[in-house]
Amino acid sequence: MKLAVPDMISNSYFPAIAAIELGCFKQEGLDISLELIYPVDKCYAALRDGTVDFVGGSAHSALSAFPRWQGAKLLCAQGQGMYWFLVMHKDLLDVRRGDGPKPCFNYTMASIATTEQLIERSPHTASAVVRAMVKTQAALKENVARATEVGRKLFPPSEAELIAELIRRDLPYYDPSISRSFVAGMNQFSRDVGILSGDVPYESIVATQFSHFWKQ
């Protein structure tokens, strides 16, 4: 099986990468390989077309391939909150630290998505992915040095040694849960930017049958 992420430059999708490299998927009986597909819209197009089985990417981006969330669902979160930076020249606008497109920063996060067909055909596989992601986040929180272990397999030495500190910074955001308030906010953001018309119920976006694994 294949899991696609849109980049390995940022640490946004690190939990999905770590789940493979630390063997957490294999512990759940899954043989999953990593596919690098850029940009994120192409990840979701590959999911729609059956080229990959899962995507670790920004949640709202699924709408590029699955209008109104028809055919895809979110399994769990890799991290909470926006994972991009907004940089503005101080002479352009009268802005202060923390200013910017706050709705966007509040409503976007990286998630693991899969198709409804896979969930229906193999609910055990989908649940195993969620358990592996939860296990990975817990392993990194318990021993952040494991991030370096992953980095040394994938990156040049100088970059690999930086990863643990980046992940240490992100640990407070490692929460696999997908709240109703998040989905409501994401829907509003998606409508605001014109990629969603109307509203879509929480249960049509999130694979709630696996939510009990989020807190394990």
N, C-alpha and C. Protein backbone atom coordinates (compact mmCIF):
# COMPACT_ATOMS: atom_id res chain seq x y z
N MET A 1 0.84 -1.18 0.00
CA MET A 1 0.00 0.00 0.00
C MET A 1 0.88 1.24 0.00
N LYS A 2 0.32 2.36 -0.47
CA LYS A 2 1.10 3.58 -0.62
C LYS A 2 0.44 4.75 0.12
N LEU A 3 1.30 5.53 0.78
CA LEU A 3 0.87 6.75 1.45
C LEU A 3 1.61 7.91 0.81
N ALA A 4 0.87 8.91 0.31
CA ALA A 4 1.48 10.04 -0.38
C ALA A 4 1.56 11.26 0.53
N VAL A 5 2.68 11.97 0.44
CA VAL A 5 2.83 13.28 1.08
C VAL A 5 3.36 14.24 0.03
N PRO A 6 3.05 15.55 0.15
CA PRO A 6 3.45 16.50 -0.89
C PRO A 6 4.87 17.03 -0.78
N ASP A 7 5.51 16.90 0.37
CA ASP A 7 6.91 17.34 0.45
C ASP A 7 7.56 16.74 1.68
N MET A 8 8.89 16.75 1.65
CA MET A 8 9.67 16.31 2.80
C MET A 8 10.60 17.43 3.26
N ILE A 9 10.41 18.63 2.72
CA ILE A 9 11.24 19.76 3.11
C ILE A 9 10.80 20.31 4.45
N SER A 10 9.49 20.49 4.60
CA SER A 10 8.96 20.93 5.89
C SER A 10 8.75 19.72 6.78
N ASN A 11 8.49 19.98 8.05
CA ASN A 11 8.23 18.86 8.97
C ASN A 11 6.74 18.67 9.19
N SER A 12 5.92 19.24 8.29
CA SER A 12 4.47 19.18 8.44
C SER A 12 3.94 17.76 8.44
N TYR A 13 4.55 16.91 7.64
CA TYR A 13 4.02 15.55 7.45
C TYR A 13 4.89 14.51 8.14
N PHE A 14 5.72 14.98 9.07
CA PHE A 14 6.69 14.08 9.69
C PHE A 14 6.05 12.88 10.39
N PRO A 15 4.92 13.03 11.09
CA PRO A 15 4.35 11.84 11.73
C PRO A 15 4.05 10.70 10.77
N ALA A 16 3.57 11.02 9.56
CA ALA A 16 3.29 9.97 8.58
C ALA A 16 4.58 9.31 8.11
N ILE A 17 5.61 10.13 7.88
CA ILE A 17 6.91 9.59 7.48
C ILE A 17 7.49 8.73 8.59
N ALA A 18 7.39 9.22 9.82
CA ALA A 18 7.94 8.49 10.97
C ALA A 18 7.19 7.18 11.20
N ALA A 19 5.89 7.17 10.92
CA ALA A 19 5.12 5.94 11.11
C ALA A 19 5.65 4.82 10.23
N ILE A 20 6.16 5.19 9.06
CA ILE A 20 6.77 4.20 8.18
C ILE A 20 8.16 3.81 8.68
N GLU A 21 9.00 4.83 8.91
CA GLU A 21 10.40 4.57 9.25
C GLU A 21 10.59 3.94 10.62
N LEU A 22 9.69 4.23 11.57
CA LEU A 22 9.81 3.63 12.90
C LEU A 22 9.11 2.27 12.99
N GLY A 23 8.49 1.86 11.90
CA GLY A 23 7.87 0.54 11.87
C GLY A 23 6.50 0.45 12.53
N CYS A 24 5.88 1.61 12.79
CA CYS A 24 4.57 1.58 13.46
C CYS A 24 3.49 0.99 12.58
N PHE A 25 3.55 1.24 11.27
CA PHE A 25 2.59 0.60 10.38
C PHE A 25 2.79 -0.91 10.36
N LYS A 26 4.04 -1.33 10.32
CA LYS A 26 4.32 -2.77 10.28
C LYS A 26 3.87 -3.46 11.57
N GLN A 27 3.97 -2.76 12.69
CA GLN A 27 3.49 -3.32 13.95
C GLN A 27 1.99 -3.56 13.92
N GLU A 28 1.29 -2.80 13.07
CA GLU A 28 -0.15 -2.97 12.92
C GLU A 28 -0.49 -3.90 11.75
N GLY A 29 0.54 -4.56 11.20
CA GLY A 29 0.31 -5.53 10.13
C GLY A 29 0.19 -4.93 8.74
N LEU A 30 0.66 -3.68 8.55
CA LEU A 30 0.54 -3.00 7.27
C LEU A 30 1.90 -2.80 6.62
N ASP A 31 1.96 -3.08 5.32
CA ASP A 31 3.17 -2.82 4.54
C ASP A 31 2.90 -1.57 3.70
N ILE A 32 3.34 -0.42 4.18
CA ILE A 32 3.05 0.86 3.54
C ILE A 32 4.35 1.54 3.14
N SER A 33 4.40 1.99 1.91
CA SER A 33 5.56 2.73 1.42
C SER A 33 5.19 4.19 1.20
N LEU A 34 6.21 5.04 1.16
CA LEU A 34 6.00 6.48 1.03
C LEU A 34 6.11 6.90 -0.42
N GLU A 35 5.16 7.72 -0.87
CA GLU A 35 5.20 8.31 -2.20
C GLU A 35 5.27 9.82 -2.05
N LEU A 36 6.22 10.45 -2.71
CA LEU A 36 6.35 11.90 -2.70
C LEU A 36 5.69 12.44 -3.96
N ILE A 37 4.59 13.14 -3.82
CA ILE A 37 3.84 13.69 -4.95
C ILE A 37 3.56 15.16 -4.67
N TYR A 38 4.00 16.01 -5.58
CA TYR A 38 3.84 17.46 -5.39
C TYR A 38 3.08 18.04 -6.57
N PRO A 39 2.18 19.01 -6.31
CA PRO A 39 1.76 19.56 -5.02
C PRO A 39 0.69 18.70 -4.37
N VAL A 40 0.12 19.18 -3.25
CA VAL A 40 -0.79 18.36 -2.47
C VAL A 40 -2.04 17.99 -3.27
N ASP A 41 -2.49 18.87 -4.18
CA ASP A 41 -3.66 18.54 -4.99
C ASP A 41 -3.44 17.27 -5.79
N LYS A 42 -2.19 17.06 -6.26
CA LYS A 42 -1.90 15.85 -7.02
C LYS A 42 -1.90 14.61 -6.13
N CYS A 43 -1.58 14.80 -4.85
CA CYS A 43 -1.69 13.69 -3.90
C CYS A 43 -3.13 13.19 -3.85
N TYR A 44 -4.05 14.15 -3.71
CA TYR A 44 -5.46 13.77 -3.61
C TYR A 44 -6.00 13.26 -4.93
N ALA A 45 -5.49 13.76 -6.05
CA ALA A 45 -5.88 13.21 -7.35
C ALA A 45 -5.44 11.75 -7.46
N ALA A 46 -4.23 11.46 -6.95
CA ALA A 46 -3.74 10.07 -6.96
C ALA A 46 -4.60 9.18 -6.07
N LEU A 47 -5.05 9.73 -4.94
CA LEU A 47 -5.95 8.98 -4.05
C LEU A 47 -7.27 8.69 -4.77
N ARG A 48 -7.81 9.70 -5.43
CA ARG A 48 -9.06 9.53 -6.18
C ARG A 48 -8.91 8.49 -7.28
N ASP A 49 -7.76 8.50 -7.95
CA ASP A 49 -7.55 7.60 -9.09
C ASP A 49 -7.08 6.22 -8.69
N GLY A 50 -6.83 6.01 -7.39
CA GLY A 50 -6.42 4.69 -6.91
C GLY A 50 -4.94 4.41 -7.03
N THR A 51 -4.14 5.44 -7.35
CA THR A 51 -2.69 5.25 -7.45
C THR A 51 -2.05 5.10 -6.08
N VAL A 52 -2.61 5.80 -5.08
CA VAL A 52 -2.17 5.67 -3.69
C VAL A 52 -3.38 5.33 -2.83
N ASP A 53 -3.11 4.87 -1.62
CA ASP A 53 -4.18 4.42 -0.73
C ASP A 53 -4.51 5.41 0.37
N PHE A 54 -3.53 6.24 0.74
CA PHE A 54 -3.71 7.24 1.79
C PHE A 54 -2.96 8.50 1.41
N VAL A 55 -3.38 9.63 1.98
CA VAL A 55 -2.68 10.90 1.79
C VAL A 55 -2.47 11.54 3.15
N GLY A 56 -1.26 12.00 3.40
CA GLY A 56 -0.98 12.85 4.54
C GLY A 56 -0.82 14.26 4.04
N GLY A 57 -1.85 15.08 4.16
CA GLY A 57 -1.78 16.43 3.61
C GLY A 57 -2.75 17.35 4.29
N SER A 58 -2.76 18.62 3.88
CA SER A 58 -3.69 19.59 4.46
C SER A 58 -5.12 19.13 4.21
N ALA A 59 -5.93 19.19 5.24
CA ALA A 59 -7.26 18.59 5.20
C ALA A 59 -8.14 19.19 4.11
N HIS A 60 -8.19 20.53 4.04
CA HIS A 60 -9.09 21.16 3.09
C HIS A 60 -8.71 20.87 1.64
N SER A 61 -7.45 20.49 1.39
CA SER A 61 -6.99 20.25 0.03
C SER A 61 -7.66 19.02 -0.60
N ALA A 62 -8.26 18.17 0.22
CA ALA A 62 -8.97 17.01 -0.34
C ALA A 62 -10.09 17.45 -1.28
N LEU A 63 -10.61 18.65 -1.07
CA LEU A 63 -11.70 19.14 -1.91
C LEU A 63 -11.28 19.33 -3.36
N SER A 64 -9.99 19.42 -3.63
CA SER A 64 -9.52 19.58 -5.01
C SER A 64 -9.83 18.35 -5.86
N ALA A 65 -9.90 17.19 -5.23
CA ALA A 65 -10.17 15.95 -5.95
C ALA A 65 -11.51 15.32 -5.56
N PHE A 66 -12.03 15.74 -4.40
CA PHE A 66 -13.28 15.17 -3.89
C PHE A 66 -14.25 16.30 -3.55
N PRO A 67 -14.93 16.88 -4.57
CA PRO A 67 -15.84 17.99 -4.32
C PRO A 67 -16.89 17.64 -3.27
N ARG A 68 -17.11 18.58 -2.37
CA ARG A 68 -18.07 18.41 -1.27
C ARG A 68 -17.78 17.13 -0.46
N TRP A 69 -16.53 16.70 -0.46
CA TRP A 69 -16.07 15.55 0.33
C TRP A 69 -16.69 14.23 -0.12
N GLN A 70 -17.18 14.17 -1.33
CA GLN A 70 -17.79 12.93 -1.82
C GLN A 70 -16.70 11.95 -2.25
N GLY A 71 -16.54 10.86 -1.48
CA GLY A 71 -15.58 9.82 -1.82
C GLY A 71 -14.35 9.76 -0.97
N ALA A 72 -14.15 10.70 -0.05
CA ALA A 72 -12.97 10.68 0.81
C ALA A 72 -13.36 11.04 2.23
N LYS A 73 -12.56 10.55 3.19
CA LYS A 73 -12.79 10.88 4.59
C LYS A 73 -11.46 11.05 5.32
N LEU A 74 -11.51 11.85 6.37
CA LEU A 74 -10.35 12.05 7.22
C LEU A 74 -10.32 10.98 8.31
N LEU A 75 -9.13 10.40 8.53
CA LEU A 75 -8.98 9.37 9.55
C LEU A 75 -8.48 9.93 10.87
N CYS A 76 -7.49 10.82 10.81
CA CYS A 76 -6.93 11.40 12.03
C CYS A 76 -6.07 12.58 11.64
N ALA A 77 -5.68 13.36 12.61
CA ALA A 77 -4.81 14.52 12.37
C ALA A 77 -3.36 14.15 12.63
N GLN A 78 -2.47 14.70 11.81
CA GLN A 78 -1.04 14.60 12.10
C GLN A 78 -0.62 15.68 13.07
N GLY A 79 -1.25 16.84 12.97
CA GLY A 79 -0.93 17.95 13.87
C GLY A 79 -2.05 18.97 13.83
N GLN A 80 -2.13 19.76 14.86
CA GLN A 80 -3.19 20.75 14.96
C GLN A 80 -2.68 22.12 14.54
N GLY A 81 -3.50 22.86 13.82
CA GLY A 81 -3.17 24.24 13.49
C GLY A 81 -2.42 24.38 12.18
N MET A 82 -2.28 25.61 11.74
CA MET A 82 -1.60 25.92 10.49
C MET A 82 -0.11 25.60 10.60
N TYR A 83 0.45 25.06 9.52
CA TYR A 83 1.86 24.68 9.56
C TYR A 83 2.68 25.48 8.56
N TRP A 84 2.14 26.60 8.07
CA TRP A 84 2.89 27.48 7.18
C TRP A 84 3.27 28.76 7.92
N PHE A 85 4.18 29.54 7.31
CA PHE A 85 4.55 30.83 7.84
C PHE A 85 4.13 31.93 6.87
N LEU A 86 3.66 33.03 7.40
CA LEU A 86 3.38 34.22 6.59
C LEU A 86 4.46 35.24 6.90
N VAL A 87 5.19 35.65 5.87
CA VAL A 87 6.28 36.61 6.04
C VAL A 87 5.93 37.86 5.25
N MET A 88 5.96 39.00 5.90
CA MET A 88 5.62 40.27 5.26
C MET A 88 6.69 41.31 5.60
N HIS A 89 7.03 42.14 4.63
CA HIS A 89 8.00 43.21 4.87
C HIS A 89 7.36 44.26 5.76
N LYS A 90 8.08 44.70 6.76
CA LYS A 90 7.51 45.62 7.75
C LYS A 90 7.10 46.95 7.15
N ASP A 91 7.68 47.34 6.00
CA ASP A 91 7.33 48.62 5.39
C ASP A 91 6.05 48.55 4.54
N LEU A 92 5.57 47.36 4.26
CA LEU A 92 4.41 47.22 3.38
C LEU A 92 3.11 47.50 4.10
N LEU A 93 2.97 46.99 5.30
CA LEU A 93 1.74 47.14 6.05
C LEU A 93 2.05 47.37 7.52
N ASP A 94 1.12 47.96 8.20
CA ASP A 94 1.27 48.16 9.64
C ASP A 94 0.81 46.89 10.34
N VAL A 95 1.72 45.94 10.45
CA VAL A 95 1.37 44.65 11.03
C VAL A 95 2.25 44.38 12.24
N ARG A 96 1.72 43.56 13.12
CA ARG A 96 2.47 43.12 14.30
C ARG A 96 2.54 41.60 14.29
N ARG A 97 3.45 41.07 15.08
CA ARG A 97 3.59 39.63 15.20
C ARG A 97 2.24 39.01 15.57
N GLY A 98 1.84 38.00 14.83
CA GLY A 98 0.55 37.36 15.09
C GLY A 98 -0.55 37.83 14.17
N ASP A 99 -0.34 38.97 13.48
CA ASP A 99 -1.32 39.43 12.52
C ASP A 99 -1.27 38.55 11.27
N GLY A 100 -2.29 38.63 10.45
CA GLY A 100 -2.31 37.86 9.21
C GLY A 100 -3.66 37.23 9.00
N PRO A 101 -3.76 36.27 8.09
CA PRO A 101 -5.05 35.64 7.78
C PRO A 101 -5.44 34.65 8.88
N LYS A 102 -5.91 35.19 10.00
CA LYS A 102 -6.16 34.36 11.17
C LYS A 102 -7.15 33.22 10.92
N PRO A 103 -8.23 33.43 10.15
CA PRO A 103 -9.11 32.29 9.90
C PRO A 103 -8.38 31.11 9.27
N CYS A 104 -7.47 31.41 8.35
CA CYS A 104 -6.70 30.34 7.71
C CYS A 104 -5.82 29.63 8.72
N PHE A 105 -5.17 30.40 9.59
CA PHE A 105 -4.29 29.78 10.58
C PHE A 105 -5.07 28.93 11.57
N ASN A 106 -6.30 29.31 11.83
CA ASN A 106 -7.11 28.56 12.79
C ASN A 106 -7.71 27.30 12.19
N TYR A 107 -7.91 27.27 10.89
CA TYR A 107 -8.75 26.24 10.31
C TYR A 107 -8.01 25.13 9.57
N THR A 108 -6.72 25.23 9.40
CA THR A 108 -6.03 24.26 8.56
C THR A 108 -5.07 23.41 9.37
N MET A 109 -5.04 22.12 9.03
CA MET A 109 -4.08 21.24 9.67
C MET A 109 -3.74 20.10 8.72
N ALA A 110 -2.72 19.37 9.02
CA ALA A 110 -2.35 18.22 8.22
C ALA A 110 -3.09 17.00 8.72
N SER A 111 -3.64 16.22 7.81
CA SER A 111 -4.45 15.06 8.19
C SER A 111 -4.09 13.86 7.34
N ILE A 112 -4.56 12.71 7.78
CA ILE A 112 -4.47 11.49 6.98
C ILE A 112 -5.84 11.24 6.39
N ALA A 113 -5.91 11.15 5.07
CA ALA A 113 -7.19 10.91 4.40
C ALA A 113 -7.13 9.62 3.61
N THR A 114 -8.29 9.01 3.41
CA THR A 114 -8.40 7.82 2.58
C THR A 114 -9.74 7.85 1.87
N THR A 115 -9.94 6.93 0.94
CA THR A 115 -11.20 6.90 0.22
C THR A 115 -12.23 6.10 0.99
N GLU A 116 -13.48 6.46 0.77
CA GLU A 116 -14.56 5.73 1.42
C GLU A 116 -14.59 4.28 0.97
N GLN A 117 -14.21 4.02 -0.29
CA GLN A 117 -14.22 2.64 -0.79
C GLN A 117 -13.29 1.75 0.01
N LEU A 118 -12.10 2.29 0.36
CA LEU A 118 -11.15 1.49 1.14
C LEU A 118 -11.70 1.25 2.54
N ILE A 119 -12.33 2.25 3.12
CA ILE A 119 -12.91 2.08 4.45
C ILE A 119 -13.99 1.01 4.43
N GLU A 120 -14.81 1.03 3.40
CA GLU A 120 -15.89 0.04 3.31
C GLU A 120 -15.35 -1.36 3.03
N ARG A 121 -14.31 -1.42 2.19
CA ARG A 121 -13.76 -2.72 1.81
C ARG A 121 -12.90 -3.32 2.91
N SER A 122 -12.15 -2.46 3.60
CA SER A 122 -11.21 -2.96 4.60
C SER A 122 -11.15 -2.03 5.80
N PRO A 123 -12.19 -2.04 6.63
CA PRO A 123 -12.17 -1.17 7.81
C PRO A 123 -11.01 -1.49 8.74
N HIS A 124 -10.55 -2.75 8.76
CA HIS A 124 -9.40 -3.12 9.62
C HIS A 124 -8.17 -2.34 9.20
N THR A 125 -7.96 -2.18 7.87
CA THR A 125 -6.80 -1.45 7.38
C THR A 125 -6.86 0.01 7.81
N ALA A 126 -8.02 0.62 7.66
CA ALA A 126 -8.17 2.03 8.05
C ALA A 126 -7.93 2.21 9.54
N SER A 127 -8.48 1.32 10.34
CA SER A 127 -8.29 1.43 11.79
C SER A 127 -6.82 1.21 12.16
N ALA A 128 -6.14 0.32 11.43
CA ALA A 128 -4.73 0.07 11.71
C ALA A 128 -3.89 1.30 11.40
N VAL A 129 -4.25 2.05 10.35
CA VAL A 129 -3.54 3.29 10.03
C VAL A 129 -3.69 4.28 11.17
N VAL A 130 -4.90 4.44 11.68
CA VAL A 130 -5.12 5.38 12.78
C VAL A 130 -4.32 4.95 14.00
N ARG A 131 -4.35 3.67 14.33
CA ARG A 131 -3.59 3.20 15.50
C ARG A 131 -2.10 3.45 15.33
N ALA A 132 -1.60 3.24 14.11
CA ALA A 132 -0.17 3.45 13.86
C ALA A 132 0.20 4.92 14.00
N MET A 133 -0.67 5.81 13.53
CA MET A 133 -0.39 7.24 13.65
C MET A 133 -0.40 7.68 15.11
N VAL A 134 -1.36 7.19 15.87
CA VAL A 134 -1.43 7.52 17.30
C VAL A 134 -0.19 6.99 18.00
N LYS A 135 0.22 5.79 17.66
CA LYS A 135 1.41 5.18 18.26
C LYS A 135 2.67 5.97 17.91
N THR A 136 2.75 6.47 16.69
CA THR A 136 3.91 7.25 16.26
C THR A 136 4.01 8.55 17.02
N GLN A 137 2.89 9.26 17.14
CA GLN A 137 2.91 10.52 17.87
C GLN A 137 3.31 10.29 19.33
N ALA A 138 2.80 9.22 19.92
CA ALA A 138 3.16 8.90 21.30
C ALA A 138 4.64 8.57 21.42
N ALA A 139 5.18 7.83 20.45
CA ALA A 139 6.60 7.45 20.48
C ALA A 139 7.50 8.67 20.40
N LEU A 140 7.12 9.64 19.56
CA LEU A 140 7.92 10.86 19.44
C LEU A 140 7.85 11.70 20.70
N LYS A 141 6.67 11.75 21.32
CA LYS A 141 6.53 12.50 22.57
C LYS A 141 7.35 11.86 23.69
N GLU A 142 7.41 10.55 23.68
CA GLU A 142 8.14 9.84 24.73
C GLU A 142 9.65 9.97 24.54
N ASN A 143 10.09 9.98 23.29
CA ASN A 143 11.53 10.02 23.02
C ASN A 143 11.75 10.76 21.70
N VAL A 144 11.95 12.07 21.78
CA VAL A 144 12.07 12.89 20.58
C VAL A 144 13.33 12.56 19.80
N ALA A 145 14.28 11.88 20.42
CA ALA A 145 15.49 11.48 19.71
C ALA A 145 15.19 10.52 18.57
N ARG A 146 14.03 9.87 18.63
CA ARG A 146 13.66 8.97 17.54
C ARG A 146 13.44 9.73 16.24
N ALA A 147 13.17 11.03 16.35
CA ALA A 147 13.05 11.86 15.14
C ALA A 147 14.37 11.91 14.40
N THR A 148 15.47 11.97 15.15
CA THR A 148 16.80 11.96 14.53
C THR A 148 17.05 10.63 13.84
N GLU A 149 16.59 9.56 14.46
CA GLU A 149 16.71 8.22 13.87
C GLU A 149 16.04 8.18 12.49
N VAL A 150 14.87 8.79 12.40
CA VAL A 150 14.18 8.85 11.11
C VAL A 150 14.92 9.75 10.14
N GLY A 151 15.36 10.92 10.64
CA GLY A 151 16.04 11.87 9.79
C GLY A 151 17.30 11.32 9.16
N ARG A 152 18.05 10.52 9.90
CA ARG A 152 19.31 9.97 9.39
C ARG A 152 19.08 8.99 8.24
N LYS A 153 17.88 8.43 8.17
CA LYS A 153 17.55 7.52 7.08
C LYS A 153 17.19 8.26 5.80
N LEU A 154 16.76 9.52 5.94
CA LEU A 154 16.15 10.21 4.81
C LEU A 154 16.86 11.48 4.36
N PHE A 155 17.67 12.09 5.23
CA PHE A 155 18.21 13.41 4.93
C PHE A 155 19.73 13.42 5.08
N PRO A 156 20.39 14.41 4.47
CA PRO A 156 21.83 14.57 4.67
C PRO A 156 22.15 14.78 6.14
N PRO A 157 23.35 14.43 6.59
CA PRO A 157 23.68 14.47 8.02
C PRO A 157 23.40 15.80 8.70
N SER A 158 23.79 16.91 8.08
CA SER A 158 23.61 18.20 8.75
C SER A 158 22.13 18.51 8.97
N GLU A 159 21.29 18.18 8.00
CA GLU A 159 19.86 18.42 8.15
C GLU A 159 19.23 17.44 9.12
N ALA A 160 19.68 16.21 9.10
CA ALA A 160 19.11 15.19 9.96
C ALA A 160 19.25 15.54 11.44
N GLU A 161 20.37 16.18 11.79
CA GLU A 161 20.61 16.52 13.18
C GLU A 161 19.74 17.69 13.66
N LEU A 162 19.09 18.39 12.74
CA LEU A 162 18.22 19.49 13.12
C LEU A 162 16.79 19.05 13.42
N ILE A 163 16.44 17.85 12.98
CA ILE A 163 15.04 17.45 12.99
C ILE A 163 14.50 17.29 14.41
N ALA A 164 15.27 16.73 15.30
CA ALA A 164 14.76 16.50 16.66
C ALA A 164 14.28 17.79 17.31
N GLU A 165 15.02 18.88 17.12
CA GLU A 165 14.62 20.14 17.73
C GLU A 165 13.34 20.68 17.10
N LEU A 166 13.19 20.51 15.79
CA LEU A 166 11.95 20.93 15.12
C LEU A 166 10.76 20.14 15.64
N ILE A 167 10.95 18.84 15.80
CA ILE A 167 9.86 18.00 16.28
C ILE A 167 9.56 18.31 17.74
N ARG A 168 10.58 18.59 18.53
CA ARG A 168 10.36 18.97 19.93
C ARG A 168 9.47 20.21 20.01
N ARG A 169 9.71 21.16 19.12
CA ARG A 169 8.87 22.36 19.06
C ARG A 169 7.42 22.02 18.72
N ASP A 170 7.22 21.02 17.86
CA ASP A 170 5.88 20.68 17.37
C ASP A 170 5.12 19.72 18.27
N LEU A 171 5.78 19.10 19.22
CA LEU A 171 5.13 18.06 20.03
C LEU A 171 3.80 18.50 20.66
N PRO A 172 3.67 19.74 21.15
CA PRO A 172 2.38 20.13 21.74
C PRO A 172 1.22 20.06 20.76
N TYR A 173 1.52 20.06 19.47
CA TYR A 173 0.46 20.05 18.46
C TYR A 173 0.14 18.64 17.96
N TYR A 174 0.88 17.64 18.45
CA TYR A 174 0.64 16.27 18.02
C TYR A 174 -0.58 15.72 18.74
N ASP A 175 -1.70 15.87 18.13
CA ASP A 175 -2.98 15.41 18.66
C ASP A 175 -3.76 14.85 17.48
N PRO A 176 -4.07 13.56 17.48
CA PRO A 176 -4.72 12.94 16.32
C PRO A 176 -6.20 13.25 16.18
N SER A 177 -6.81 13.89 17.16
CA SER A 177 -8.25 14.09 17.14
C SER A 177 -8.65 15.15 16.12
N ILE A 178 -9.85 15.01 15.58
CA ILE A 178 -10.43 15.96 14.63
C ILE A 178 -11.74 16.43 15.24
N SER A 179 -11.76 17.63 15.75
CA SER A 179 -12.91 18.13 16.50
C SER A 179 -14.00 18.65 15.56
N ARG A 180 -15.20 18.72 16.08
CA ARG A 180 -16.31 19.29 15.32
C ARG A 180 -16.07 20.78 15.05
N SER A 181 -15.45 21.46 16.00
CA SER A 181 -15.18 22.88 15.79
C SER A 181 -14.16 23.08 14.67
N PHE A 182 -13.18 22.17 14.59
CA PHE A 182 -12.23 22.26 13.49
C PHE A 182 -12.93 22.09 12.15
N VAL A 183 -13.77 21.06 12.04
CA VAL A 183 -14.45 20.80 10.77
C VAL A 183 -15.36 21.97 10.39
N ALA A 184 -16.05 22.53 11.38
CA ALA A 184 -16.90 23.69 11.10
C ALA A 184 -16.05 24.86 10.59
N GLY A 185 -14.91 25.08 11.22
CA GLY A 185 -14.02 26.15 10.79
C GLY A 185 -13.44 25.89 9.41
N MET A 186 -13.05 24.65 9.16
CA MET A 186 -12.50 24.29 7.85
C MET A 186 -13.55 24.49 6.76
N ASN A 187 -14.79 24.10 7.05
CA ASN A 187 -15.87 24.30 6.08
C ASN A 187 -16.05 25.78 5.78
N GLN A 188 -16.03 26.60 6.83
CA GLN A 188 -16.19 28.03 6.63
C GLN A 188 -15.04 28.59 5.80
N PHE A 189 -13.82 28.21 6.14
CA PHE A 189 -12.66 28.64 5.37
C PHE A 189 -12.78 28.21 3.92
N SER A 190 -13.21 26.96 3.69
CA SER A 190 -13.34 26.44 2.32
C SER A 190 -14.39 27.21 1.54
N ARG A 191 -15.47 27.59 2.21
CA ARG A 191 -16.48 28.41 1.53
C ARG A 191 -15.93 29.81 1.22
N ASP A 192 -15.19 30.35 2.18
CA ASP A 192 -14.64 31.70 2.01
C ASP A 192 -13.71 31.78 0.80
N VAL A 193 -12.94 30.72 0.56
CA VAL A 193 -11.98 30.75 -0.55
C VAL A 193 -12.55 30.13 -1.82
N GLY A 194 -13.82 29.71 -1.76
CA GLY A 194 -14.51 29.27 -2.97
C GLY A 194 -14.29 27.84 -3.40
N ILE A 195 -13.86 26.97 -2.49
CA ILE A 195 -13.67 25.57 -2.88
C ILE A 195 -14.76 24.66 -2.32
N LEU A 196 -15.73 25.24 -1.63
CA LEU A 196 -16.85 24.47 -1.09
C LEU A 196 -18.09 25.34 -1.14
N SER A 197 -19.19 24.75 -1.62
CA SER A 197 -20.47 25.45 -1.60
C SER A 197 -21.37 24.78 -0.57
N GLY A 198 -22.04 25.57 0.22
CA GLY A 198 -22.89 25.00 1.26
C GLY A 198 -22.07 24.42 2.39
N ASP A 199 -22.71 23.59 3.20
CA ASP A 199 -22.04 22.97 4.34
C ASP A 199 -22.08 21.46 4.18
N VAL A 200 -21.13 20.78 4.80
CA VAL A 200 -21.06 19.32 4.77
C VAL A 200 -21.00 18.84 6.22
N PRO A 201 -21.83 17.89 6.60
CA PRO A 201 -21.84 17.43 8.00
C PRO A 201 -20.52 16.80 8.42
N TYR A 202 -20.24 16.93 9.69
CA TYR A 202 -19.02 16.36 10.28
C TYR A 202 -18.87 14.88 9.93
N GLU A 203 -19.96 14.12 10.04
CA GLU A 203 -19.90 12.68 9.81
C GLU A 203 -19.61 12.33 8.36
N SER A 204 -19.83 13.28 7.43
CA SER A 204 -19.53 13.04 6.02
C SER A 204 -18.08 13.35 5.68
N ILE A 205 -17.37 13.97 6.61
CA ILE A 205 -15.98 14.35 6.39
C ILE A 205 -15.01 13.47 7.18
N VAL A 206 -15.41 13.09 8.37
CA VAL A 206 -14.54 12.35 9.29
C VAL A 206 -15.02 10.91 9.44
N ALA A 207 -14.09 9.98 9.40
CA ALA A 207 -14.42 8.57 9.61
C ALA A 207 -14.57 8.34 11.12
N THR A 208 -15.73 8.70 11.63
CA THR A 208 -15.94 8.72 13.08
C THR A 208 -15.88 7.34 13.72
N GLN A 209 -16.03 6.28 12.92
CA GLN A 209 -15.99 4.94 13.50
C GLN A 209 -14.61 4.58 14.06
N PHE A 210 -13.61 5.39 13.72
CA PHE A 210 -12.26 5.13 14.23
C PHE A 210 -11.82 6.16 15.28
N SER A 211 -12.71 7.05 15.65
CA SER A 211 -12.33 8.16 16.53
C SER A 211 -11.93 7.69 17.93
N HIS A 212 -12.41 6.52 18.34
CA HIS A 212 -12.06 6.06 19.70
C HIS A 212 -10.58 5.72 19.82
N PHE A 213 -9.90 5.55 18.67
CA PHE A 213 -8.46 5.29 18.71
C PHE A 213 -7.65 6.56 18.99
N TRP A 214 -8.24 7.73 18.78
CA TRP A 214 -7.47 8.97 18.91
C TRP A 214 -6.92 9.17 20.31
N LYS A 215 -7.63 8.70 21.32
CA LYS A 215 -7.23 8.96 22.70
C LYS A 215 -6.49 7.78 23.34
N GLN A 216 -6.17 6.78 22.56
CA GLN A 216 -5.51 5.62 23.14
C GLN A 216 -4.00 5.87 23.29
